[in-house]
Amino acid sequence: MLETKKSINFNGTSEINGTPAMILSANVSENGSISLNANVVNQTLYNENKTEIQKDLTDFNGKAFSLSEETKSDTENTTDPNTQNTTDSK
């Protein structure tokens, strides 16, 4: 039997003067669980601009967690048509 799951990929790049310093990614599953990843791609640029890049990381994480909460809320408010309660009125 096929089982499928939906997830959302969310990506970002922290750049200094147009040059990538850190690549950011998040994966949010349909139940709202989240996986975050940050990779420094230019160590020199990162070392010279830690404060700005770490602010970008904090901003990215905040957006990813907001997306996670929205997804979790959407899942909780979605009714599965196969489990709906019905009432017979005779």
PDB file of N, CA and C in Angstrom:
ATOM      1  N   MET A   1       0.845  -1.176   0.000  1.00  0.00           N
ATOM      2  CA  MET A   1       0.000   0.000   0.000  1.00  0.00           C
ATOM      3  C   MET A   1       0.896   1.248   0.000  1.00  0.00           C
ATOM      4  N   LEU A   2       0.540   2.181  -0.822  1.00  0.00           N
ATOM      5  CA  LEU A   2       1.294   3.430  -0.932  1.00  0.00           C
ATOM      6  C   LEU A   2       0.954   4.352   0.227  1.00  0.00           C
ATOM      7  N   GLU A   3       1.971   4.867   0.870  1.00  0.00           N
ATOM      8  CA  GLU A   3       1.787   5.884   1.909  1.00  0.00           C
ATOM      9  C   GLU A   3       2.582   7.111   1.475  1.00  0.00           C
ATOM     10  N   THR A   4       1.929   8.258   1.478  1.00  0.00           N
ATOM     11  CA  THR A   4       2.611   9.486   1.081  1.00  0.00           C
ATOM     12  C   THR A   4       2.589  10.485   2.219  1.00  0.00           C
ATOM     13  N   LYS A   5       3.560  11.359   2.228  1.00  0.00           N
ATOM     14  CA  LYS A   5       3.649  12.433   3.211  1.00  0.00           C
ATOM     15  C   LYS A   5       4.040  13.708   2.496  1.00  0.00           C
ATOM     16  N   LYS A   6       3.490  14.799   2.965  1.00  0.00           N
ATOM     17  CA  LYS A   6       3.775  16.100   2.369  1.00  0.00           C
ATOM     18  C   LYS A   6       4.759  16.842   3.262  1.00  0.00           C
ATOM     19  N   SER A   7       5.694  17.539   2.656  1.00  0.00           N
ATOM     20  CA  SER A   7       6.596  18.392   3.419  1.00  0.00           C
ATOM     21  C   SER A   7       6.898  19.647   2.609  1.00  0.00           C
ATOM     22  N   ILE A   8       7.391  20.656   3.304  1.00  0.00           N
ATOM     23  CA  ILE A   8       7.736  21.924   2.670  1.00  0.00           C
ATOM     24  C   ILE A   8       9.228  22.153   2.866  1.00  0.00           C
ATOM     25  N   ASN A   9       9.936  22.429   1.779  1.00  0.00           N
ATOM     26  CA  ASN A   9      11.347  22.808   1.855  1.00  0.00           C
ATOM     27  C   ASN A   9      11.432  24.324   1.800  1.00  0.00           C
ATOM     28  N   PHE A  10      12.254  24.879   2.680  1.00  0.00           N
ATOM     29  CA  PHE A  10      12.407  26.322   2.819  1.00  0.00           C
ATOM     30  C   PHE A  10      13.904  26.592   2.801  1.00  0.00           C
ATOM     31  N   ASN A  11      14.381  27.447   1.897  1.00  0.00           N
ATOM     32  CA  ASN A  11      15.820  27.672   1.727  1.00  0.00           C
ATOM     33  C   ASN A  11      16.166  29.152   1.753  1.00  0.00           C
ATOM     34  N   GLY A  12      17.391  29.458   2.169  1.00  0.00           N
ATOM     35  CA  GLY A  12      17.859  30.831   2.180  1.00  0.00           C
ATOM     36  C   GLY A  12      19.376  30.890   2.054  1.00  0.00           C
ATOM     37  N   THR A  13      19.875  32.067   1.770  1.00  0.00           N
ATOM     38  CA  THR A  13      21.319  32.291   1.657  1.00  0.00           C
ATOM     39  C   THR A  13      21.667  33.584   2.376  1.00  0.00           C
ATOM     40  N   SER A  14      22.655  33.523   3.256  1.00  0.00           N
ATOM     41  CA  SER A  14      23.175  34.730   3.887  1.00  0.00           C
ATOM     42  C   SER A  14      24.332  35.213   3.026  1.00  0.00           C
ATOM     43  N   GLU A  15      24.164  36.411   2.452  1.00  0.00           N
ATOM     44  CA  GLU A  15      25.167  36.951   1.541  1.00  0.00           C
ATOM     45  C   GLU A  15      25.761  38.241   2.088  1.00  0.00           C
ATOM     46  N   ILE A  16      27.016  38.449   1.774  1.00  0.00           N
ATOM     47  CA  ILE A  16      27.712  39.695   2.083  1.00  0.00           C
ATOM     48  C   ILE A  16      28.153  40.283   0.748  1.00  0.00           C
ATOM     49  N   ASN A  17      27.604  41.447   0.415  1.00  0.00           N
ATOM     50  CA  ASN A  17      27.905  42.103  -0.865  1.00  0.00           C
ATOM     51  C   ASN A  17      27.724  41.161  -2.053  1.00  0.00           C
ATOM     52  N   GLY A  18      26.650  40.361  -2.016  1.00  0.00           N
ATOM     53  CA  GLY A  18      26.328  39.460  -3.114  1.00  0.00           C
ATOM     54  C   GLY A  18      27.060  38.142  -3.115  1.00  0.00           C
ATOM     55  N   THR A  19      27.949  37.917  -2.164  1.00  0.00           N
ATOM     56  CA  THR A  19      28.699  36.664  -2.096  1.00  0.00           C
ATOM     57  C   THR A  19      28.126  35.787  -0.986  1.00  0.00           C
ATOM     58  N   PRO A  20      27.723  34.551  -1.312  1.00  0.00           N
ATOM     59  CA  PRO A  20      27.170  33.659  -0.293  1.00  0.00           C
ATOM     60  C   PRO A  20      28.192  33.325   0.796  1.00  0.00           C
ATOM     61  N   ALA A  21      27.751  33.427   2.030  1.00  0.00           N
ATOM     62  CA  ALA A  21      28.592  33.048   3.163  1.00  0.00           C
ATOM     63  C   ALA A  21      28.026  31.820   3.865  1.00  0.00           C
ATOM     64  N   MET A  22      26.688  31.709   3.892  1.00  0.00           N
ATOM     65  CA  MET A  22      26.038  30.590   4.549  1.00  0.00           C
ATOM     66  C   MET A  22      24.783  30.204   3.769  1.00  0.00           C
ATOM     67  N   ILE A  23      24.595  28.898   3.616  1.00  0.00           N
ATOM     68  CA  ILE A  23      23.402  28.356   2.971  1.00  0.00           C
ATOM     69  C   ILE A  23      22.521  27.787   4.083  1.00  0.00           C
ATOM     70  N   LEU A  24      21.233  28.139   4.051  1.00  0.00           N
ATOM     71  CA  LEU A  24      20.298  27.735   5.100  1.00  0.00           C
ATOM     72  C   LEU A  24      19.168  26.920   4.487  1.00  0.00           C
ATOM     73  N   SER A  25      18.736  25.880   5.193  1.00  0.00           N
ATOM     74  CA  SER A  25      17.598  25.114   4.706  1.00  0.00           C
ATOM     75  C   SER A  25      16.792  24.574   5.879  1.00  0.00           C
ATOM     76  N   ALA A  26      15.514  24.408   5.607  1.00  0.00           N
ATOM     77  CA  ALA A  26      14.603  23.836   6.594  1.00  0.00           C
ATOM     78  C   ALA A  26      13.639  22.928   5.859  1.00  0.00           C
ATOM     79  N   ASN A  27      13.236  21.869   6.520  1.00  0.00           N
ATOM     80  CA  ASN A  27      12.209  20.985   5.999  1.00  0.00           C
ATOM     81  C   ASN A  27      11.141  20.884   7.070  1.00  0.00           C
ATOM     82  N   VAL A  28       9.904  21.211   6.678  1.00  0.00           N
ATOM     83  CA  VAL A  28       8.781  21.172   7.604  1.00  0.00           C
ATOM     84  C   VAL A  28       7.837  20.079   7.136  1.00  0.00           C
ATOM     85  N   SER A  29       7.586  19.099   8.008  1.00  0.00           N
ATOM     86  CA  SER A  29       6.684  18.012   7.644  1.00  0.00           C
ATOM     87  C   SER A  29       5.241  18.443   7.852  1.00  0.00           C
ATOM     88  N   GLU A  30       4.317  17.630   7.359  1.00  0.00           N
ATOM     89  CA  GLU A  30       2.907  17.993   7.421  1.00  0.00           C
ATOM     90  C   GLU A  30       2.382  18.082   8.849  1.00  0.00           C
ATOM     91  N   ASN A  31       3.058  17.473   9.809  1.00  0.00           N
ATOM     92  CA  ASN A  31       2.610  17.581  11.198  1.00  0.00           C
ATOM     93  C   ASN A  31       3.295  18.733  11.936  1.00  0.00           C
ATOM     94  N   GLY A  32       4.128  19.497  11.223  1.00  0.00           N
ATOM     95  CA  GLY A  32       4.769  20.666  11.801  1.00  0.00           C
ATOM     96  C   GLY A  32       6.159  20.426  12.352  1.00  0.00           C
ATOM     97  N   SER A  33       6.630  19.165  12.343  1.00  0.00           N
ATOM     98  CA  SER A  33       7.999  18.938  12.827  1.00  0.00           C
ATOM     99  C   SER A  33       8.978  19.569  11.838  1.00  0.00           C
ATOM    100  N   ILE A  34      10.130  19.966  12.348  1.00  0.00           N
ATOM    101  CA  ILE A  34      11.046  20.772  11.539  1.00  0.00           C
ATOM    102  C   ILE A  34      12.473  20.254  11.656  1.00  0.00           C
ATOM    103  N   SER A  35      13.187  20.333  10.537  1.00  0.00           N
ATOM    104  CA  SER A  35      14.608  20.015  10.487  1.00  0.00           C
ATOM    105  C   SER A  35      15.318  21.236   9.909  1.00  0.00           C
ATOM    106  N   LEU A  36      16.338  21.718  10.616  1.00  0.00           N
ATOM    107  CA  LEU A  36      17.078  22.913  10.186  1.00  0.00           C
ATOM    108  C   LEU A  36      18.519  22.549   9.858  1.00  0.00           C
ATOM    109  N   ASN A  37      19.099  23.238   8.869  1.00  0.00           N
ATOM    110  CA  ASN A  37      20.479  23.003   8.492  1.00  0.00           C
ATOM    111  C   ASN A  37      21.114  24.324   8.060  1.00  0.00           C
ATOM    112  N   ALA A  38      22.344  24.569   8.505  1.00  0.00           N
ATOM    113  CA  ALA A  38      23.096  25.758   8.104  1.00  0.00           C
ATOM    114  C   ALA A  38      24.516  25.327   7.744  1.00  0.00           C
ATOM    115  N   ASN A  39      24.977  25.726   6.551  1.00  0.00           N
ATOM    116  CA  ASN A  39      26.320  25.377   6.092  1.00  0.00           C
ATOM    117  C   ASN A  39      27.095  26.629   5.733  1.00  0.00           C
ATOM    118  N   VAL A  40      28.236  26.818   6.372  1.00  0.00           N
ATOM    119  CA  VAL A  40      29.125  27.921   6.013  1.00  0.00           C
ATOM    120  C   VAL A  40      29.817  27.527   4.709  1.00  0.00           C
ATOM    121  N   VAL A  41      29.681  28.371   3.690  1.00  0.00           N
ATOM    122  CA  VAL A  41      30.282  28.076   2.390  1.00  0.00           C
ATOM    123  C   VAL A  41      31.484  28.975   2.083  1.00  0.00           C
ATOM    124  N   ASN A  42      31.687  29.997   2.921  1.00  0.00           N
ATOM    125  CA  ASN A  42      32.853  30.865   2.767  1.00  0.00           C
ATOM    126  C   ASN A  42      33.311  31.244   4.183  1.00  0.00           C
ATOM    127  N   GLN A  43      34.251  30.457   4.700  1.00  0.00           N
ATOM    128  CA  GLN A  43      34.677  30.613   6.097  1.00  0.00           C
ATOM    129  C   GLN A  43      35.269  31.991   6.366  1.00  0.00           C
ATOM    130  N   THR A  44      36.064  32.520   5.443  1.00  0.00           N
ATOM    131  CA  THR A  44      36.678  33.838   5.623  1.00  0.00           C
ATOM    132  C   THR A  44      35.606  34.915   5.728  1.00  0.00           C
ATOM    133  N   LEU A  45      34.662  34.879   4.813  1.00  0.00           N
ATOM    134  CA  LEU A  45      33.566  35.845   4.824  1.00  0.00           C
ATOM    135  C   LEU A  45      32.738  35.711   6.106  1.00  0.00           C
ATOM    136  N   TYR A  46      32.506  34.473   6.526  1.00  0.00           N
ATOM    137  CA  TYR A  46      31.769  34.242   7.773  1.00  0.00           C
ATOM    138  C   TYR A  46      32.531  34.834   8.963  1.00  0.00           C
ATOM    139  N   ASN A  47      33.825  34.542   9.051  1.00  0.00           N
ATOM    140  CA  ASN A  47      34.631  35.028  10.176  1.00  0.00           C
ATOM    141  C   ASN A  47      34.644  36.558  10.253  1.00  0.00           C
ATOM    142  N   GLU A  48      34.649  37.198   9.093  1.00  0.00           N
ATOM    143  CA  GLU A  48      34.710  38.662   9.051  1.00  0.00           C
ATOM    144  C   GLU A  48      33.348  39.326   9.280  1.00  0.00           C
ATOM    145  N   ASN A  49      32.261  38.548   9.194  1.00  0.00           N
ATOM    146  CA  ASN A  49      30.905  39.122   9.267  1.00  0.00           C
ATOM    147  C   ASN A  49      29.971  38.292  10.148  1.00  0.00           C
ATOM    148  N   LYS A  50      30.513  37.707  11.215  1.00  0.00           N
ATOM    149  CA  LYS A  50      29.735  36.794  12.062  1.00  0.00           C
ATOM    150  C   LYS A  50      28.444  37.411  12.578  1.00  0.00           C
ATOM    151  N   THR A  51      28.500  38.636  13.036  1.00  0.00           N
ATOM    152  CA  THR A  51      27.315  39.262  13.632  1.00  0.00           C
ATOM    153  C   THR A  51      26.175  39.348  12.625  1.00  0.00           C
ATOM    154  N   GLU A  52      26.470  39.822  11.425  1.00  0.00           N
ATOM    155  CA  GLU A  52      25.435  39.963  10.401  1.00  0.00           C
ATOM    156  C   GLU A  52      24.901  38.599   9.952  1.00  0.00           C
ATOM    157  N   ILE A  53      25.799  37.649   9.778  1.00  0.00           N
ATOM    158  CA  ILE A  53      25.393  36.323   9.311  1.00  0.00           C
ATOM    159  C   ILE A  53      24.587  35.602  10.382  1.00  0.00           C
ATOM    160  N   GLN A  54      24.988  35.737  11.642  1.00  0.00           N
ATOM    161  CA  GLN A  54      24.232  35.109  12.713  1.00  0.00           C
ATOM    162  C   GLN A  54      22.851  35.743  12.863  1.00  0.00           C
ATOM    163  N   LYS A  55      22.719  37.029  12.553  1.00  0.00           N
ATOM    164  CA  LYS A  55      21.404  37.668  12.543  1.00  0.00           C
ATOM    165  C   LYS A  55      20.546  37.060  11.437  1.00  0.00           C
ATOM    166  N   ASP A  56      21.150  36.848  10.259  1.00  0.00           N
ATOM    167  CA  ASP A  56      20.425  36.194   9.164  1.00  0.00           C
ATOM    168  C   ASP A  56      19.959  34.797   9.582  1.00  0.00           C
ATOM    169  N   LEU A  57      20.827  34.065  10.269  1.00  0.00           N
ATOM    170  CA  LEU A  57      20.483  32.722  10.741  1.00  0.00           C
ATOM    171  C   LEU A  57      19.309  32.781  11.714  1.00  0.00           C
ATOM    172  N   THR A  58      19.339  33.724  12.634  1.00  0.00           N
ATOM    173  CA  THR A  58      18.245  33.892  13.593  1.00  0.00           C
ATOM    174  C   THR A  58      16.947  34.241  12.876  1.00  0.00           C
ATOM    175  N   ASP A  59      17.014  35.146  11.914  1.00  0.00           N
ATOM    176  CA  ASP A  59      15.830  35.522  11.128  1.00  0.00           C
ATOM    177  C   ASP A  59      15.283  34.325  10.355  1.00  0.00           C
ATOM    178  N   PHE A  60      16.166  33.567   9.732  1.00  0.00           N
ATOM    179  CA  PHE A  60      15.751  32.388   8.967  1.00  0.00           C
ATOM    180  C   PHE A  60      15.055  31.380   9.875  1.00  0.00           C
ATOM    181  N   ASN A  61      15.665  31.102  11.021  1.00  0.00           N
ATOM    182  CA  ASN A  61      15.076  30.138  11.944  1.00  0.00           C
ATOM    183  C   ASN A  61      13.696  30.597  12.410  1.00  0.00           C
ATOM    184  N   GLY A  62      13.543  31.887  12.667  1.00  0.00           N
ATOM    185  CA  GLY A  62      12.247  32.423  13.076  1.00  0.00           C
ATOM    186  C   GLY A  62      11.197  32.205  12.000  1.00  0.00           C
ATOM    187  N   LYS A  63      11.557  32.452  10.745  1.00  0.00           N
ATOM    188  CA  LYS A  63      10.616  32.242   9.640  1.00  0.00           C
ATOM    189  C   LYS A  63      10.286  30.759   9.490  1.00  0.00           C
ATOM    190  N   ALA A  64      11.286  29.907   9.650  1.00  0.00           N
ATOM    191  CA  ALA A  64      11.061  28.463   9.524  1.00  0.00           C
ATOM    192  C   ALA A  64      10.137  27.969  10.639  1.00  0.00           C
ATOM    193  N   PHE A  65      10.346  28.437  11.870  1.00  0.00           N
ATOM    194  CA  PHE A  65       9.480  28.020  12.972  1.00  0.00           C
ATOM    195  C   PHE A  65       8.065  28.560  12.793  1.00  0.00           C
ATOM    196  N   SER A  66       7.917  29.749  12.237  1.00  0.00           N
ATOM    197  CA  SER A  66       6.577  30.283  11.938  1.00  0.00           C
ATOM    198  C   SER A  66       5.878  29.407  10.909  1.00  0.00           C
ATOM    199  N   LEU A  67       6.599  28.999   9.886  1.00  0.00           N
ATOM    200  CA  LEU A  67       6.046  28.108   8.874  1.00  0.00           C
ATOM    201  C   LEU A  67       5.641  26.775   9.502  1.00  0.00           C
ATOM    202  N   SER A  68       6.458  26.288  10.425  1.00  0.00           N
ATOM    203  CA  SER A  68       6.146  25.048  11.127  1.00  0.00           C
ATOM    204  C   SER A  68       4.847  25.178  11.920  1.00  0.00           C
ATOM    205  N   GLU A  69       4.684  26.286  12.619  1.00  0.00           N
ATOM    206  CA  GLU A  69       3.464  26.510  13.402  1.00  0.00           C
ATOM    207  C   GLU A  69       2.243  26.615  12.492  1.00  0.00           C
ATOM    208  N   GLU A  70       2.385  27.298  11.353  1.00  0.00           N
ATOM    209  CA  GLU A  70       1.283  27.413  10.392  1.00  0.00           C
ATOM    210  C   GLU A  70       0.895  26.033   9.868  1.00  0.00           C
ATOM    211  N   THR A  71       1.896  25.227   9.546  1.00  0.00           N
ATOM    212  CA  THR A  71       1.652  23.893   9.016  1.00  0.00           C
ATOM    213  C   THR A  71       0.966  23.026  10.054  1.00  0.00           C
ATOM    214  N   LYS A  72       1.454  23.095  11.286  1.00  0.00           N
ATOM    215  CA  LYS A  72       0.861  22.324  12.372  1.00  0.00           C
ATOM    216  C   LYS A  72      -0.592  22.748  12.589  1.00  0.00           C
ATOM    217  N   SER A  73      -0.841  24.042  12.572  1.00  0.00           N
ATOM    218  CA  SER A  73      -2.188  24.573  12.752  1.00  0.00           C
ATOM    219  C   SER A  73      -3.106  24.127  11.615  1.00  0.00           C
ATOM    220  N   ASP A  74      -2.597  24.179  10.374  1.00  0.00           N
ATOM    221  CA  ASP A  74      -3.391  23.747   9.222  1.00  0.00           C
ATOM    222  C   ASP A  74      -3.748  22.269   9.344  1.00  0.00           C
ATOM    223  N   THR A  75      -2.795  21.456   9.804  1.00  0.00           N
ATOM    224  CA  THR A  75      -3.033  20.022   9.955  1.00  0.00           C
ATOM    225  C   THR A  75      -4.082  19.761  11.031  1.00  0.00           C
ATOM    226  N   GLU A  76      -4.000  20.495  12.135  1.00  0.00           N
ATOM    227  CA  GLU A  76      -4.952  20.307  13.229  1.00  0.00           C
ATOM    228  C   GLU A  76      -6.354  20.747  12.831  1.00  0.00           C
ATOM    229  N   ASN A  77      -6.467  21.698  11.913  1.00  0.00           N
ATOM    230  CA  ASN A  77      -7.767  22.215  11.499  1.00  0.00           C
ATOM    231  C   ASN A  77      -8.338  21.515  10.271  1.00  0.00           C
ATOM    232  N   THR A  78      -7.616  20.542   9.745  1.00  0.00           N
ATOM    233  CA  THR A  78      -8.073  19.826   8.566  1.00  0.00           C
ATOM    234  C   THR A  78      -8.812  18.565   9.015  1.00  0.00           C
ATOM    235  N   THR A  79      -9.960  18.360   8.475  1.00  0.00           N
ATOM    236  CA  THR A  79     -10.742  17.180   8.809  1.00  0.00           C
ATOM    237  C   THR A  79     -10.560  16.133   7.725  1.00  0.00           C
ATOM    238  N   ASP A  80     -10.237  14.937   8.137  1.00  0.00           N
ATOM    239  CA  ASP A  80     -10.117  13.825   7.207  1.00  0.00           C
ATOM    240  C   ASP A  80     -11.519  13.350   6.855  1.00  0.00           C
ATOM    241  N   PRO A  81     -11.885  13.390   5.572  1.00  0.00           N
ATOM    242  CA  PRO A  81     -13.238  12.999   5.206  1.00  0.00           C
ATOM    243  C   PRO A  81     -13.554  11.558   5.573  1.00  0.00           C
ATOM    244  N   ASN A  82     -12.539  10.727   5.747  1.00  0.00           N
ATOM    245  CA  ASN A  82     -12.767   9.328   6.104  1.00  0.00           C
ATOM    246  C   ASN A  82     -13.095   9.149   7.583  1.00  0.00           C
ATOM    247  N   THR A  83     -12.882  10.184   8.387  1.00  0.00           N
ATOM    248  CA  THR A  83     -13.146  10.065   9.821  1.00  0.00           C
ATOM    249  C   THR A  83     -14.193  11.050  10.312  1.00  0.00           C
ATOM    250  N   GLN A  84     -14.883  11.675   9.392  1.00  0.00           N
ATOM    251  CA  GLN A  84     -15.913  12.628   9.798  1.00  0.00           C
ATOM    252  C   GLN A  84     -17.045  11.908  10.505  1.00  0.00           C
ATOM    253  N   ASN A  85     -17.565  12.530  11.536  1.00  0.00           N
ATOM    254  CA  ASN A  85     -18.736  11.995  12.215  1.00  0.00           C
ATOM    255  C   ASN A  85     -19.975  12.423  11.440  1.00  0.00           C
ATOM    256  N   THR A  86     -20.887  11.503  11.272  1.00  0.00           N
ATOM    257  CA  THR A  86     -22.134  11.822  10.611  1.00  0.00           C
ATOM    258  C   THR A  86     -23.290  11.453  11.516  1.00  0.00           C
ATOM    259  N   THR A  87     -24.367  12.132  11.352  1.00  0.00           N
ATOM    260  CA  THR A  87     -25.540  11.883  12.163  1.00  0.00           C
ATOM    261  C   THR A  87     -26.698  11.570  11.238  1.00  0.00           C
ATOM    262  N   ASP A  88     -27.366  10.467  11.515  1.00  0.00           N
ATOM    263  CA  ASP A  88     -28.561  10.127  10.759  1.00  0.00           C
ATOM    264  C   ASP A  88     -29.734  10.898  11.324  1.00  0.00           C
ATOM    265  N   SER A  89     -30.457  11.577  10.485  1.00  0.00           N
ATOM    266  CA  SER A  89     -31.675  12.241  10.951  1.00  0.00           C
ATOM    267  C   SER A  89     -32.860  11.577  10.274  1.00  0.00           C
ATOM    268  N   LYS A  90     -33.661  10.919  11.067  1.00  0.00           N
ATOM    269  CA  LYS A  90     -34.818  10.200  10.523  1.00  0.00           C
ATOM    270  C   LYS A  90     -36.090  10.795  11.002  1.00  0.00           C
TER     271      LYS A  90
END
